[in-house]
Amino acid sequence: MSDTDLTARIVTLETTIAFQDQAIEELNAALALHFKEIEALKRELHNLGSQLRDVEAHPALAPAVEPPPPHY
């Protein structure tokens, strides 16, 4: 194998590694964003659960139950 062939292979490998590094960075950024979104959704779910438990614990705060509509 000649020096030119080895140089070409090395350049190809370095190019591939550069693209893989970029892809890994992009995936890491997307993963970090999704983690933040999941944490925000968990907090919101926790807050909604707390609100629901508060309403269930105080029936006076619950919305009034509508009577069924009259039948014709």
PDB file of N, CA and C in Angstrom:
ATOM      1  N   MET A   1       0.854  -1.167   0.000  1.00  0.00           N
ATOM      2  CA  MET A   1       0.000   0.000   0.000  1.00  0.00           C
ATOM      3  C   MET A   1       0.905   1.237   0.000  1.00  0.00           C
ATOM      4  N   SER A   2       0.573   2.186  -0.839  1.00  0.00           N
ATOM      5  CA  SER A   2       1.437   3.365  -0.980  1.00  0.00           C
ATOM      6  C   SER A   2       1.075   4.431   0.044  1.00  0.00           C
ATOM      7  N   ASP A   3       1.970   5.388   0.160  1.00  0.00           N
ATOM      8  CA  ASP A   3       1.733   6.498   1.086  1.00  0.00           C
ATOM      9  C   ASP A   3       0.488   7.286   0.699  1.00  0.00           C
ATOM     10  N   THR A   4       0.219   7.402  -0.592  1.00  0.00           N
ATOM     11  CA  THR A   4      -0.954   8.131  -1.070  1.00  0.00           C
ATOM     12  C   THR A   4      -2.235   7.421  -0.634  1.00  0.00           C
ATOM     13  N   ASP A   5      -2.249   6.085  -0.743  1.00  0.00           N
ATOM     14  CA  ASP A   5      -3.415   5.311  -0.324  1.00  0.00           C
ATOM     15  C   ASP A   5      -3.641   5.452   1.186  1.00  0.00           C
ATOM     16  N   LEU A   6      -2.573   5.380   1.952  1.00  0.00           N
ATOM     17  CA  LEU A   6      -2.692   5.528   3.405  1.00  0.00           C
ATOM     18  C   LEU A   6      -3.178   6.925   3.779  1.00  0.00           C
ATOM     19  N   THR A   7      -2.654   7.918   3.090  1.00  0.00           N
ATOM     20  CA  THR A   7      -3.072   9.297   3.353  1.00  0.00           C
ATOM     21  C   THR A   7      -4.558   9.461   3.044  1.00  0.00           C
ATOM     22  N   ALA A   8      -5.002   8.905   1.937  1.00  0.00           N
ATOM     23  CA  ALA A   8      -6.415   8.997   1.550  1.00  0.00           C
ATOM     24  C   ALA A   8      -7.300   8.293   2.580  1.00  0.00           C
ATOM     25  N   ARG A   9      -6.864   7.132   3.047  1.00  0.00           N
ATOM     26  CA  ARG A   9      -7.640   6.404   4.061  1.00  0.00           C
ATOM     27  C   ARG A   9      -7.706   7.190   5.366  1.00  0.00           C
ATOM     28  N   ILE A  10      -6.589   7.785   5.744  1.00  0.00           N
ATOM     29  CA  ILE A  10      -6.557   8.580   6.980  1.00  0.00           C
ATOM     30  C   ILE A  10      -7.479   9.789   6.858  1.00  0.00           C
ATOM     31  N   VAL A  11      -7.454  10.456   5.730  1.00  0.00           N
ATOM     32  CA  VAL A  11      -8.331  11.615   5.510  1.00  0.00           C
ATOM     33  C   VAL A  11      -9.797  11.180   5.571  1.00  0.00           C
ATOM     34  N   THR A  12     -10.105  10.044   4.962  1.00  0.00           N
ATOM     35  CA  THR A  12     -11.478   9.529   4.998  1.00  0.00           C
ATOM     36  C   THR A  12     -11.903   9.219   6.433  1.00  0.00           C
ATOM     37  N   LEU A  13     -11.023   8.583   7.189  1.00  0.00           N
ATOM     38  CA  LEU A  13     -11.338   8.272   8.589  1.00  0.00           C
ATOM     39  C   LEU A  13     -11.511   9.538   9.419  1.00  0.00           C
ATOM     40  N   GLU A  14     -10.643  10.512   9.220  1.00  0.00           N
ATOM     41  CA  GLU A  14     -10.755  11.768   9.960  1.00  0.00           C
ATOM     42  C   GLU A  14     -12.045  12.500   9.614  1.00  0.00           C
ATOM     43  N   THR A  15     -12.427  12.476   8.342  1.00  0.00           N
ATOM     44  CA  THR A  15     -13.678  13.108   7.920  1.00  0.00           C
ATOM     45  C   THR A  15     -14.868  12.408   8.560  1.00  0.00           C
ATOM     46  N   THR A  16     -14.841  11.077   8.552  1.00  0.00           N
ATOM     47  CA  THR A  16     -15.926  10.305   9.162  1.00  0.00           C
ATOM     48  C   THR A  16     -16.033  10.613  10.648  1.00  0.00           C
ATOM     49  N   ILE A  17     -14.916  10.674  11.326  1.00  0.00           N
ATOM     50  CA  ILE A  17     -14.910  10.965  12.765  1.00  0.00           C
ATOM     51  C   ILE A  17     -15.455  12.371  13.017  1.00  0.00           C
ATOM     52  N   ALA A  18     -15.089  13.314  12.169  1.00  0.00           N
ATOM     53  CA  ALA A  18     -15.584  14.687  12.342  1.00  0.00           C
ATOM     54  C   ALA A  18     -17.104  14.728  12.222  1.00  0.00           C
ATOM     55  N   PHE A  19     -17.657  14.026  11.219  1.00  0.00           N
ATOM     56  CA  PHE A  19     -19.108  13.985  11.061  1.00  0.00           C
ATOM     57  C   PHE A  19     -19.761  13.269  12.245  1.00  0.00           C
ATOM     58  N   GLN A  20     -19.149  12.207  12.737  1.00  0.00           N
ATOM     59  CA  GLN A  20     -19.694  11.494  13.886  1.00  0.00           C
ATOM     60  C   GLN A  20     -19.662  12.364  15.139  1.00  0.00           C
ATOM     61  N   ASP A  21     -18.598  13.117  15.325  1.00  0.00           N
ATOM     62  CA  ASP A  21     -18.519  14.038  16.467  1.00  0.00           C
ATOM     63  C   ASP A  21     -19.638  15.077  16.400  1.00  0.00           C
ATOM     64  N   GLN A  22     -19.869  15.611  15.211  1.00  0.00           N
ATOM     65  CA  GLN A  22     -20.934  16.597  15.040  1.00  0.00           C
ATOM     66  C   GLN A  22     -22.299  15.962  15.332  1.00  0.00           C
ATOM     67  N   ALA A  23     -22.512  14.759  14.831  1.00  0.00           N
ATOM     68  CA  ALA A  23     -23.786  14.073  15.074  1.00  0.00           C
ATOM     69  C   ALA A  23     -23.986  13.807  16.566  1.00  0.00           C
ATOM     70  N   ILE A  24     -22.936  13.405  17.245  1.00  0.00           N
ATOM     71  CA  ILE A  24     -23.021  13.144  18.682  1.00  0.00           C
ATOM     72  C   ILE A  24     -23.365  14.430  19.435  1.00  0.00           C
ATOM     73  N   GLU A  25     -22.754  15.539  19.071  1.00  0.00           N
ATOM     74  CA  GLU A  25     -23.049  16.826  19.715  1.00  0.00           C
ATOM     75  C   GLU A  25     -24.512  17.220  19.492  1.00  0.00           C
ATOM     76  N   GLU A  26     -25.007  17.034  18.264  1.00  0.00           N
ATOM     77  CA  GLU A  26     -26.401  17.365  17.964  1.00  0.00           C
ATOM     78  C   GLU A  26     -27.352  16.471  18.749  1.00  0.00           C
ATOM     79  N   LEU A  27     -27.040  15.184  18.822  1.00  0.00           N
ATOM     80  CA  LEU A  27     -27.885  14.262  19.588  1.00  0.00           C
ATOM     81  C   LEU A  27     -27.850  14.599  21.073  1.00  0.00           C
ATOM     82  N   ASN A  28     -26.696  14.983  21.575  1.00  0.00           N
ATOM     83  CA  ASN A  28     -26.571  15.365  22.976  1.00  0.00           C
ATOM     84  C   ASN A  28     -27.421  16.598  23.277  1.00  0.00           C
ATOM     85  N   ALA A  29     -27.403  17.576  22.376  1.00  0.00           N
ATOM     86  CA  ALA A  29     -28.204  18.789  22.559  1.00  0.00           C
ATOM     87  C   ALA A  29     -29.692  18.457  22.542  1.00  0.00           C
ATOM     88  N   ALA A  30     -30.100  17.587  21.618  1.00  0.00           N
ATOM     89  CA  ALA A  30     -31.508  17.192  21.549  1.00  0.00           C
ATOM     90  C   ALA A  30     -31.914  16.427  22.802  1.00  0.00           C
ATOM     91  N   LEU A  31     -31.049  15.565  23.275  1.00  0.00           N
ATOM     92  CA  LEU A  31     -31.334  14.800  24.477  1.00  0.00           C
ATOM     93  C   LEU A  31     -31.460  15.712  25.689  1.00  0.00           C
ATOM     94  N   ALA A  32     -30.586  16.692  25.797  1.00  0.00           N
ATOM     95  CA  ALA A  32     -30.656  17.642  26.911  1.00  0.00           C
ATOM     96  C   ALA A  32     -31.957  18.436  26.863  1.00  0.00           C
ATOM     97  N   LEU A  33     -32.374  18.852  25.678  1.00  0.00           N
ATOM     98  CA  LEU A  33     -33.627  19.578  25.525  1.00  0.00           C
ATOM     99  C   LEU A  33     -34.811  18.702  25.933  1.00  0.00           C
ATOM    100  N   HIS A  34     -34.811  17.458  25.491  1.00  0.00           N
ATOM    101  CA  HIS A  34     -35.905  16.541  25.846  1.00  0.00           C
ATOM    102  C   HIS A  34     -35.932  16.280  27.347  1.00  0.00           C
ATOM    103  N   PHE A  35     -34.771  16.183  27.963  1.00  0.00           N
ATOM    104  CA  PHE A  35     -34.717  15.984  29.408  1.00  0.00           C
ATOM    105  C   PHE A  35     -35.354  17.166  30.131  1.00  0.00           C
ATOM    106  N   LYS A  36     -35.039  18.388  29.682  1.00  0.00           N
ATOM    107  CA  LYS A  36     -35.640  19.582  30.294  1.00  0.00           C
ATOM    108  C   LYS A  36     -37.156  19.581  30.116  1.00  0.00           C
ATOM    109  N   GLU A  37     -37.623  19.211  28.925  1.00  0.00           N
ATOM    110  CA  GLU A  37     -39.058  19.167  28.665  1.00  0.00           C
ATOM    111  C   GLU A  37     -39.740  18.115  29.535  1.00  0.00           C
ATOM    112  N   ILE A  38     -39.113  16.971  29.692  1.00  0.00           N
ATOM    113  CA  ILE A  38     -39.676  15.908  30.532  1.00  0.00           C
ATOM    114  C   ILE A  38     -39.748  16.363  31.976  1.00  0.00           C
ATOM    115  N   GLU A  39     -38.713  17.033  32.456  1.00  0.00           N
ATOM    116  CA  GLU A  39     -38.727  17.540  33.834  1.00  0.00           C
ATOM    117  C   GLU A  39     -39.842  18.557  34.020  1.00  0.00           C
ATOM    118  N   ALA A  40     -40.040  19.444  33.044  1.00  0.00           N
ATOM    119  CA  ALA A  40     -41.120  20.437  33.128  1.00  0.00           C
ATOM    120  C   ALA A  40     -42.483  19.737  33.137  1.00  0.00           C
ATOM    121  N   LEU A  41     -42.640  18.720  32.320  1.00  0.00           N
ATOM    122  CA  LEU A  41     -43.903  17.975  32.281  1.00  0.00           C
ATOM    123  C   LEU A  41     -44.142  17.219  33.589  1.00  0.00           C
ATOM    124  N   LYS A  42     -43.085  16.680  34.178  1.00  0.00           N
ATOM    125  CA  LYS A  42     -43.223  16.001  35.471  1.00  0.00           C
ATOM    126  C   LYS A  42     -43.690  16.978  36.541  1.00  0.00           C
ATOM    127  N   ARG A  43     -43.102  18.181  36.552  1.00  0.00           N
ATOM    128  CA  ARG A  43     -43.525  19.201  37.530  1.00  0.00           C
ATOM    129  C   ARG A  43     -44.984  19.577  37.321  1.00  0.00           C
ATOM    130  N   GLU A  44     -45.374  19.768  36.068  1.00  0.00           N
ATOM    131  CA  GLU A  44     -46.765  20.120  35.758  1.00  0.00           C
ATOM    132  C   GLU A  44     -47.709  19.005  36.177  1.00  0.00           C
ATOM    133  N   LEU A  45     -47.353  17.773  35.915  1.00  0.00           N
ATOM    134  CA  LEU A  45     -48.175  16.640  36.315  1.00  0.00           C
ATOM    135  C   LEU A  45     -48.304  16.573  37.830  1.00  0.00           C
ATOM    136  N   HIS A  46     -47.203  16.815  38.522  1.00  0.00           N
ATOM    137  CA  HIS A  46     -47.235  16.830  39.986  1.00  0.00           C
ATOM    138  C   HIS A  46     -48.167  17.933  40.489  1.00  0.00           C
ATOM    139  N   ASN A  47     -48.069  19.120  39.891  1.00  0.00           N
ATOM    140  CA  ASN A  47     -48.931  20.234  40.292  1.00  0.00           C
ATOM    141  C   ASN A  47     -50.398  19.923  40.029  1.00  0.00           C
ATOM    142  N   LEU A  48     -50.688  19.346  38.879  1.00  0.00           N
ATOM    143  CA  LEU A  48     -52.078  18.992  38.566  1.00  0.00           C
ATOM    144  C   LEU A  48     -52.604  17.920  39.515  1.00  0.00           C
ATOM    145  N   GLY A  49     -51.753  16.965  39.856  1.00  0.00           N
ATOM    146  CA  GLY A  49     -52.148  15.935  40.819  1.00  0.00           C
ATOM    147  C   GLY A  49     -52.444  16.541  42.178  1.00  0.00           C
ATOM    148  N   SER A  50     -51.628  17.498  42.594  1.00  0.00           N
ATOM    149  CA  SER A  50     -51.866  18.172  43.873  1.00  0.00           C
ATOM    150  C   SER A  50     -53.176  18.943  43.841  1.00  0.00           C
ATOM    151  N   GLN A  51     -53.431  19.633  42.749  1.00  0.00           N
ATOM    152  CA  GLN A  51     -54.684  20.377  42.623  1.00  0.00           C
ATOM    153  C   GLN A  51     -55.881  19.433  42.650  1.00  0.00           C
ATOM    154  N   LEU A  52     -55.769  18.305  41.972  1.00  0.00           N
ATOM    155  CA  LEU A  52     -56.862  17.339  41.955  1.00  0.00           C
ATOM    156  C   LEU A  52     -57.113  16.785  43.351  1.00  0.00           C
ATOM    157  N   ARG A  53     -56.051  16.475  44.081  1.00  0.00           N
ATOM    158  CA  ARG A  53     -56.220  15.977  45.447  1.00  0.00           C
ATOM    159  C   ARG A  53     -56.859  17.041  46.344  1.00  0.00           C
ATOM    160  N   ASP A  54     -56.502  18.303  46.141  1.00  0.00           N
ATOM    161  CA  ASP A  54     -57.111  19.386  46.921  1.00  0.00           C
ATOM    162  C   ASP A  54     -58.607  19.473  46.653  1.00  0.00           C
ATOM    163  N   VAL A  55     -58.988  19.367  45.402  1.00  0.00           N
ATOM    164  CA  VAL A  55     -60.410  19.438  45.052  1.00  0.00           C
ATOM    165  C   VAL A  55     -61.149  18.223  45.611  1.00  0.00           C
ATOM    166  N   GLU A  56     -60.544  17.060  45.492  1.00  0.00           N
ATOM    167  CA  GLU A  56     -61.189  15.850  46.018  1.00  0.00           C
ATOM    168  C   GLU A  56     -61.330  15.921  47.534  1.00  0.00           C
ATOM    169  N   ALA A  57     -60.380  16.561  48.210  1.00  0.00           N
ATOM    170  CA  ALA A  57     -60.423  16.660  49.666  1.00  0.00           C
ATOM    171  C   ALA A  57     -61.448  17.691  50.135  1.00  0.00           C
ATOM    172  N   HIS A  58     -61.808  18.640  49.286  1.00  0.00           N
ATOM    173  CA  HIS A  58     -62.776  19.678  49.640  1.00  0.00           C
ATOM    174  C   HIS A  58     -63.921  19.658  48.630  1.00  0.00           C
ATOM    175  N   PRO A  59     -64.955  18.880  48.888  1.00  0.00           N
ATOM    176  CA  PRO A  59     -66.052  18.765  47.921  1.00  0.00           C
ATOM    177  C   PRO A  59     -66.701  20.106  47.593  1.00  0.00           C
ATOM    178  N   ALA A  60     -66.650  21.083  48.504  1.00  0.00           N
ATOM    179  CA  ALA A  60     -67.248  22.387  48.223  1.00  0.00           C
ATOM    180  C   ALA A  60     -66.522  23.087  47.072  1.00  0.00           C
ATOM    181  N   LEU A  61     -65.250  22.757  46.844  1.00  0.00           N
ATOM    182  CA  LEU A  61     -64.491  23.364  45.757  1.00  0.00           C
ATOM    183  C   LEU A  61     -64.747  22.685  44.415  1.00  0.00           C
ATOM    184  N   ALA A  62     -65.314  21.500  44.454  1.00  0.00           N
ATOM    185  CA  ALA A  62     -65.559  20.754  43.222  1.00  0.00           C
ATOM    186  C   ALA A  62     -66.693  21.427  42.436  1.00  0.00           C
ATOM    187  N   PRO A  63     -66.664  21.364  41.123  1.00  0.00           N
ATOM    188  CA  PRO A  63     -67.762  21.950  40.342  1.00  0.00           C
ATOM    189  C   PRO A  63     -69.062  21.209  40.626  1.00  0.00           C
ATOM    190  N   ALA A  64     -70.142  21.971  40.593  1.00  0.00           N
ATOM    191  CA  ALA A  64     -71.460  21.381  40.858  1.00  0.00           C
ATOM    192  C   ALA A  64     -71.801  20.369  39.767  1.00  0.00           C
ATOM    193  N   VAL A  65     -72.435  19.307  40.187  1.00  0.00           N
ATOM    194  CA  VAL A  65     -72.857  18.281  39.235  1.00  0.00           C
ATOM    195  C   VAL A  65     -74.159  18.748  38.606  1.00  0.00           C
ATOM    196  N   GLU A  66     -74.188  18.788  37.284  1.00  0.00           N
ATOM    197  CA  GLU A  66     -75.397  19.220  36.592  1.00  0.00           C
ATOM    198  C   GLU A  66     -76.421  18.096  36.600  1.00  0.00           C
ATOM    199  N   PRO A  67     -77.666  18.446  36.813  1.00  0.00           N
ATOM    200  CA  PRO A  67     -78.698  17.400  36.734  1.00  0.00           C
ATOM    201  C   PRO A  67     -78.825  16.948  35.277  1.00  0.00           C
ATOM    202  N   PRO A  68     -79.258  15.727  35.085  1.00  0.00           N
ATOM    203  CA  PRO A  68     -79.412  15.270  33.695  1.00  0.00           C
ATOM    204  C   PRO A  68     -80.496  16.074  32.978  1.00  0.00           C
ATOM    205  N   PRO A  69     -80.379  16.229  31.675  1.00  0.00           N
ATOM    206  CA  PRO A  69     -81.389  17.002  30.956  1.00  0.00           C
ATOM    207  C   PRO A  69     -82.750  16.295  30.996  1.00  0.00           C
ATOM    208  N   PRO A  70     -83.827  17.076  30.946  1.00  0.00           N
ATOM    209  CA  PRO A  70     -85.153  16.443  30.986  1.00  0.00           C
ATOM    210  C   PRO A  70     -85.390  15.608  29.713  1.00  0.00           C
ATOM    211  N   HIS A  71     -86.087  14.535  29.904  1.00  0.00           N
ATOM    212  CA  HIS A  71     -86.405  13.678  28.762  1.00  0.00           C
ATOM    213  C   HIS A  71     -87.680  14.170  28.119  1.00  0.00           C
ATOM    214  N   TYR A  72     -87.743  14.079  26.840  1.00  0.00           N
ATOM    215  CA  TYR A  72     -88.935  14.547  26.127  1.00  0.00           C
ATOM    216  C   TYR A  72     -89.897  13.447  25.895  1.00  0.00           C
TER     217      TYR A  72
END
